[in-house]
Each structure stands twice: as C-alpha cells, then as structure tokens.
C-alpha atoms as a PDB file:
ATOM      1  CA  MET A   1     -18.408  -6.371  19.540  1.00  0.00           C
ATOM      2  CA  ILE A   2     -16.788  -4.582  17.036  1.00  0.00           C
ATOM      3  CA  GLU A   3     -12.881  -4.158  17.428  1.00  0.00           C
ATOM      4  CA  VAL A   4     -11.555  -1.343  15.892  1.00  0.00           C
ATOM      5  CA  TYR A   5      -7.131  -0.878  15.732  1.00  0.00           C
ATOM      6  CA  ILE A   6      -5.730   2.357  15.118  1.00  0.00           C
ATOM      7  CA  ASP A   7      -2.320   4.031  14.279  1.00  0.00           C
ATOM      8  CA  GLY A   8      -0.968   7.128  13.667  1.00  0.00           C
ATOM      9  CA  ALA A   9       2.541   7.257  11.841  1.00  0.00           C
ATOM     10  CA  SER A  10       5.055  10.090  10.891  1.00  0.00           C
ATOM     11  CA  ALA A  11       7.986  10.575   8.565  1.00  0.00           C
ATOM     12  CA  GLY A  12       9.424  12.966  10.773  1.00  0.00           C
ATOM     13  CA  ASP A  13       8.362  14.879  13.919  1.00  0.00           C
ATOM     14  CA  PRO A  14       6.484  16.657  12.042  1.00  0.00           C
ATOM     15  CA  GLY A  15       6.509  15.262   8.877  1.00  0.00           C
ATOM     16  CA  PRO A  16       4.107  13.801   6.160  1.00  0.00           C
ATOM     17  CA  SER A  17       1.762  11.918   8.696  1.00  0.00           C
ATOM     18  CA  GLY A  18      -1.056   8.992   8.324  1.00  0.00           C
ATOM     19  CA  ALA A  19      -4.214   7.098   9.902  1.00  0.00           C
ATOM     20  CA  GLY A  20      -4.680   3.749   9.588  1.00  0.00           C
ATOM     21  CA  ILE A  21      -7.894   2.331  10.945  1.00  0.00           C
ATOM     22  CA  PHE A  22      -8.812  -1.645  10.834  1.00  0.00           C
ATOM     23  CA  ILE A  23     -12.232  -2.408  11.566  1.00  0.00           C
ATOM     24  CA  LYS A  24     -13.729  -6.021  12.088  1.00  0.00           C
ATOM     25  CA  LEU A  25     -16.995  -6.281  12.278  1.00  0.00           C
ATOM     26  CA  GLY A  26     -17.604  -9.336  13.789  1.00  0.00           C
ATOM     27  CA  ASN A  27     -19.155 -11.548  11.346  1.00  0.00           C
ATOM     28  CA  GLY A  28     -15.647 -12.271   9.038  1.00  0.00           C
ATOM     29  CA  THR A  29     -15.650  -8.679   7.517  1.00  0.00           C
ATOM     30  CA  VAL A  30     -13.620  -6.006   7.896  1.00  0.00           C
ATOM     31  CA  GLU A  31     -13.027  -2.163   6.653  1.00  0.00           C
ATOM     32  CA  LYS A  32      -9.303  -0.970   6.354  1.00  0.00           C
ATOM     33  CA  HIS A  33      -8.664   2.730   6.219  1.00  0.00           C
ATOM     34  CA  SER A  34      -5.466   4.458   4.853  1.00  0.00           C
ATOM     35  CA  ILE A  35      -5.981   8.369   5.216  1.00  0.00           C
ATOM     36  CA  PRO A  36      -2.952  10.853   4.677  1.00  0.00           C
ATOM     37  CA  LEU A  37      -3.020  13.059   7.692  1.00  0.00           C
ATOM     38  CA  GLY A  38      -0.568  16.086   6.168  1.00  0.00           C
ATOM     39  CA  SER A  39       2.395  17.431   8.337  1.00  0.00           C
ATOM     40  CA  LEU A  40       2.225  16.296  11.799  1.00  0.00           C
ATOM     41  CA  SER A  41       3.956  15.259  14.851  1.00  0.00           C
ATOM     42  CA  ASN A  42       3.444  11.690  15.917  1.00  0.00           C
ATOM     43  CA  HIS A  43       1.211  11.808  18.837  1.00  0.00           C
ATOM     44  CA  GLU A  44      -0.970  14.106  17.031  1.00  0.00           C
ATOM     45  CA  ALA A  45      -1.078  11.717  13.868  1.00  0.00           C
ATOM     46  CA  GLU A  46      -2.661   9.292  16.728  1.00  0.00           C
ATOM     47  CA  PHE A  47      -4.857  11.622  18.185  1.00  0.00           C
ATOM     48  CA  ARG A  48      -5.910  12.165  14.725  1.00  0.00           C
ATOM     49  CA  SER A  49      -6.592   8.278  14.030  1.00  0.00           C
ATOM     50  CA  LEU A  50      -8.470   8.230  17.208  1.00  0.00           C
ATOM     51  CA  LEU A  51     -11.070  11.109  15.786  1.00  0.00           C
ATOM     52  CA  LEU A  52     -11.205   9.406  12.595  1.00  0.00           C
ATOM     53  CA  ALA A  53     -11.946   5.860  13.719  1.00  0.00           C
ATOM     54  CA  LEU A  54     -14.746   7.653  16.129  1.00  0.00           C
ATOM     55  CA  THR A  55     -16.353   9.419  13.256  1.00  0.00           C
ATOM     56  CA  ILE A  56     -16.575   6.733  11.320  1.00  0.00           C
ATOM     57  CA  CYS A  57     -18.146   4.616  13.875  1.00  0.00           C
ATOM     58  CA  VAL A  58     -20.098   7.251  14.629  1.00  0.00           C
ATOM     59  CA  GLU A  59     -21.527   7.620  11.232  1.00  0.00           C
ATOM     60  CA  LYS A  60     -22.465   4.120  10.575  1.00  0.00           C
ATOM     61  CA  ASN A  61     -23.700   3.352  13.954  1.00  0.00           C
ATOM     62  CA  TYR A  62     -20.910   0.989  14.961  1.00  0.00           C
ATOM     63  CA  ASP A  63     -21.308   0.008  18.634  1.00  0.00           C
ATOM     64  CA  PRO A  64     -20.696  -1.380  20.950  1.00  0.00           C
ATOM     65  CA  VAL A  65     -17.284  -0.602  20.187  1.00  0.00           C
ATOM     66  CA  SER A  66     -14.077  -2.080  21.804  1.00  0.00           C
ATOM     67  CA  PHE A  67     -10.461   0.252  20.619  1.00  0.00           C
ATOM     68  CA  ARG A  68      -6.936  -0.572  20.480  1.00  0.00           C
ATOM     69  CA  THR A  69      -4.280   1.418  19.778  1.00  0.00           C
ATOM     70  CA  ASP A  70      -0.240   1.214  20.404  1.00  0.00           C
ATOM     71  CA  SER A  71      -0.156   4.749  21.631  1.00  0.00           C
ATOM     72  CA  GLN A  72       0.122   5.148  25.429  1.00  0.00           C
ATOM     73  CA  ALA A  73      -0.479   8.981  25.155  1.00  0.00           C
ATOM     74  CA  VAL A  74      -4.259   8.013  23.762  1.00  0.00           C
ATOM     75  CA  GLU A  75      -4.929   5.549  25.945  1.00  0.00           C
ATOM     76  CA  ARG A  76      -4.217   7.455  28.985  1.00  0.00           C
ATOM     77  CA  ALA A  77      -5.870  10.538  27.976  1.00  0.00           C
ATOM     78  CA  VAL A  78      -9.177   9.046  26.990  1.00  0.00           C
ATOM     79  CA  GLU A  79      -8.742   6.756  30.235  1.00  0.00           C
ATOM     80  CA  LYS A  80      -7.992  10.259  32.587  1.00  0.00           C
ATOM     81  CA  ARG A  81     -10.055  12.200  29.786  1.00  0.00           C
ATOM     82  CA  PHE A  82      -7.084  14.557  29.837  1.00  0.00           C
ATOM     83  CA  ALA A  83      -4.267  15.526  27.943  1.00  0.00           C
ATOM     84  CA  LYS A  84      -1.447  15.916  30.030  1.00  0.00           C
ATOM     85  CA  ASP A  85      -0.112  17.728  26.889  1.00  0.00           C
ATOM     86  CA  LYS A  86      -2.018  20.750  26.402  1.00  0.00           C
ATOM     87  CA  ARG A  87      -1.563  20.339  22.720  1.00  0.00           C
ATOM     88  CA  TYR A  88      -3.610  17.582  22.091  1.00  0.00           C
ATOM     89  CA  ASP A  89      -6.649  18.836  24.584  1.00  0.00           C
ATOM     90  CA  PRO A  90      -8.806  20.101  21.861  1.00  0.00           C
ATOM     91  CA  LEU A  91      -8.479  16.621  19.822  1.00  0.00           C
ATOM     92  CA  LEU A  92      -8.998  15.213  22.977  1.00  0.00           C
ATOM     93  CA  GLN A  93     -12.195  17.306  23.943  1.00  0.00           C
ATOM     94  CA  GLU A  94     -13.472  16.295  20.529  1.00  0.00           C
ATOM     95  CA  ALA A  95     -12.763  13.010  21.027  1.00  0.00           C
ATOM     96  CA  ILE A  96     -14.551  12.540  24.126  1.00  0.00           C
ATOM     97  CA  GLN A  97     -17.752  14.092  22.534  1.00  0.00           C
ATOM     98  CA  MET A  98     -18.350  11.074  19.635  1.00  0.00           C
ATOM     99  CA  ILE A  99     -17.305   8.698  23.195  1.00  0.00           C
ATOM    100  CA  ASP A 100     -20.146   9.969  24.868  1.00  0.00           C
ATOM    101  CA  GLN A 101     -22.499   9.591  21.792  1.00  0.00           C
ATOM    102  CA  LEU A 102     -21.384   5.952  21.994  1.00  0.00           C
ATOM    103  CA  GLN A 103     -23.566   3.648  23.990  1.00  0.00           C
ATOM    104  CA  LEU A 104     -20.833   1.276  25.207  1.00  0.00           C
ATOM    105  CA  PHE A 105     -16.775   2.115  24.215  1.00  0.00           C
ATOM    106  CA  PHE A 106     -13.794   0.971  25.526  1.00  0.00           C
ATOM    107  CA  LEU A 107     -10.141   1.666  24.757  1.00  0.00           C
ATOM    108  CA  LYS A 108      -6.996  -0.520  25.459  1.00  0.00           C
ATOM    109  CA  TRP A 109      -3.678   0.018  24.652  1.00  0.00           C
ATOM    110  CA  ILE A 110      -1.762  -2.802  23.397  1.00  0.00           C
ATOM    111  CA  PRO A 111       2.064  -3.743  22.206  1.00  0.00           C
ATOM    112  CA  SER A 112       3.006  -2.827  18.571  1.00  0.00           C
ATOM    113  CA  LYS A 113       3.178  -5.837  17.623  1.00  0.00           C
ATOM    114  CA  GLN A 114      -0.242  -6.803  18.044  1.00  0.00           C
ATOM    115  CA  ASN A 115      -0.864  -3.509  16.198  1.00  0.00           C
ATOM    116  CA  LYS A 116       0.736  -4.858  12.746  1.00  0.00           C
ATOM    117  CA  VAL A 117      -2.417  -4.525  10.355  1.00  0.00           C
ATOM    118  CA  ALA A 118      -3.148  -0.693  11.647  1.00  0.00           C
ATOM    119  CA  ASN A 119       0.539   0.242  11.476  1.00  0.00           C
ATOM    120  CA  ASP A 120       0.831  -1.038   7.835  1.00  0.00           C
ATOM    121  CA  LEU A 121      -1.636   0.936   7.002  1.00  0.00           C
ATOM    122  CA  ALA A 122      -0.510   4.535   8.660  1.00  0.00           C
ATOM    123  CA  ARG A 123       2.239   3.740   6.716  1.00  0.00           C
ATOM    124  CA  LYS A 124       0.964   3.673   3.565  1.00  0.00           C
ATOM    125  CA  ALA A 125      -1.277   6.894   4.415  1.00  0.00           C
ATOM    126  CA  VAL A 126       1.979   8.643   4.807  1.00  0.00           C
ATOM    127  CA  GLN A 127       3.091   7.417   1.434  1.00  0.00           C
ATOM    128  CA  LEU A 128      -0.251   8.508  -0.175  1.00  0.00           C
ATOM    129  CA  ASN A 129       0.420  11.994   1.543  1.00  0.00           C
ATOM    130  CA  GLU A 130       4.101  12.411   0.171  1.00  0.00           C
ATOM    131  CA  VAL A 131       2.221  11.446  -3.587  1.00  0.00           C
ATOM    132  CA  GLN A 132      -0.107  14.110  -3.398  1.00  0.00           C
END
C-alpha cells in the first residue's frame, strides 16, 4: 500500500500558499513535492494539496493508496462526499473524480505532529511562491 501524506500551508488567509506531498512507495523509495499555489486561503491550499497528490497518483498509476491529512475539513468532505463550505465543492468534485479512478483509496485524519514532513514541504512551497 502506497502512503501519501498531504498538507497545505498559507502565510495569511488568503496569502502565499503551498502544497506539501510526501509519498512512501513501500520499497524504501519516497517522493517529496513542494508546490507553490499562489494566494489562497488555508483550507483551499489543503484541498489543492489533495488534488495535486491525486493527480500524481493517477498519472503514475499508484494504486492502492492510503492518504493521510491533518485537515479535518478535507477528511470530512471526502468521507461524506460533501463540502460543508460551498466554496470548496468544485475542488471536492474534482477530487472525487480522481478518487473514483483508483481501485482502492483510503483517507485518514492524523494529528499535525504525525504530518511533519508534508507540513515542512508545504511551508517550503510557500517560500518558493514568494520568490517567484
């Protein structure tokens, strides 16, 4: 099972944002992605990190996957397939389309302290965003 840790960060709400994606392929190989996102709210950055990680998994045929996030909003929206805040519904629907392409997908909420690598990658992406 491939483990995917995701996090979104924002320096302001909205403000310069980034996505951090840490993928454990199970054979000792890992992938680290720090992706600048422009100016977003923190929740939008979290949803965008989910979308970017799903895109990587679909494009690279990573399946089955087990995602971890410290965002309760993302975890609840995916679990219920419903975004409480309508601003995030288009992002959720896009994510669901990709999730449905996977044979097996899990998403689990974890505490922030267990998501440190993805968080560090997201914070790095915020800084990369500011450089551009």
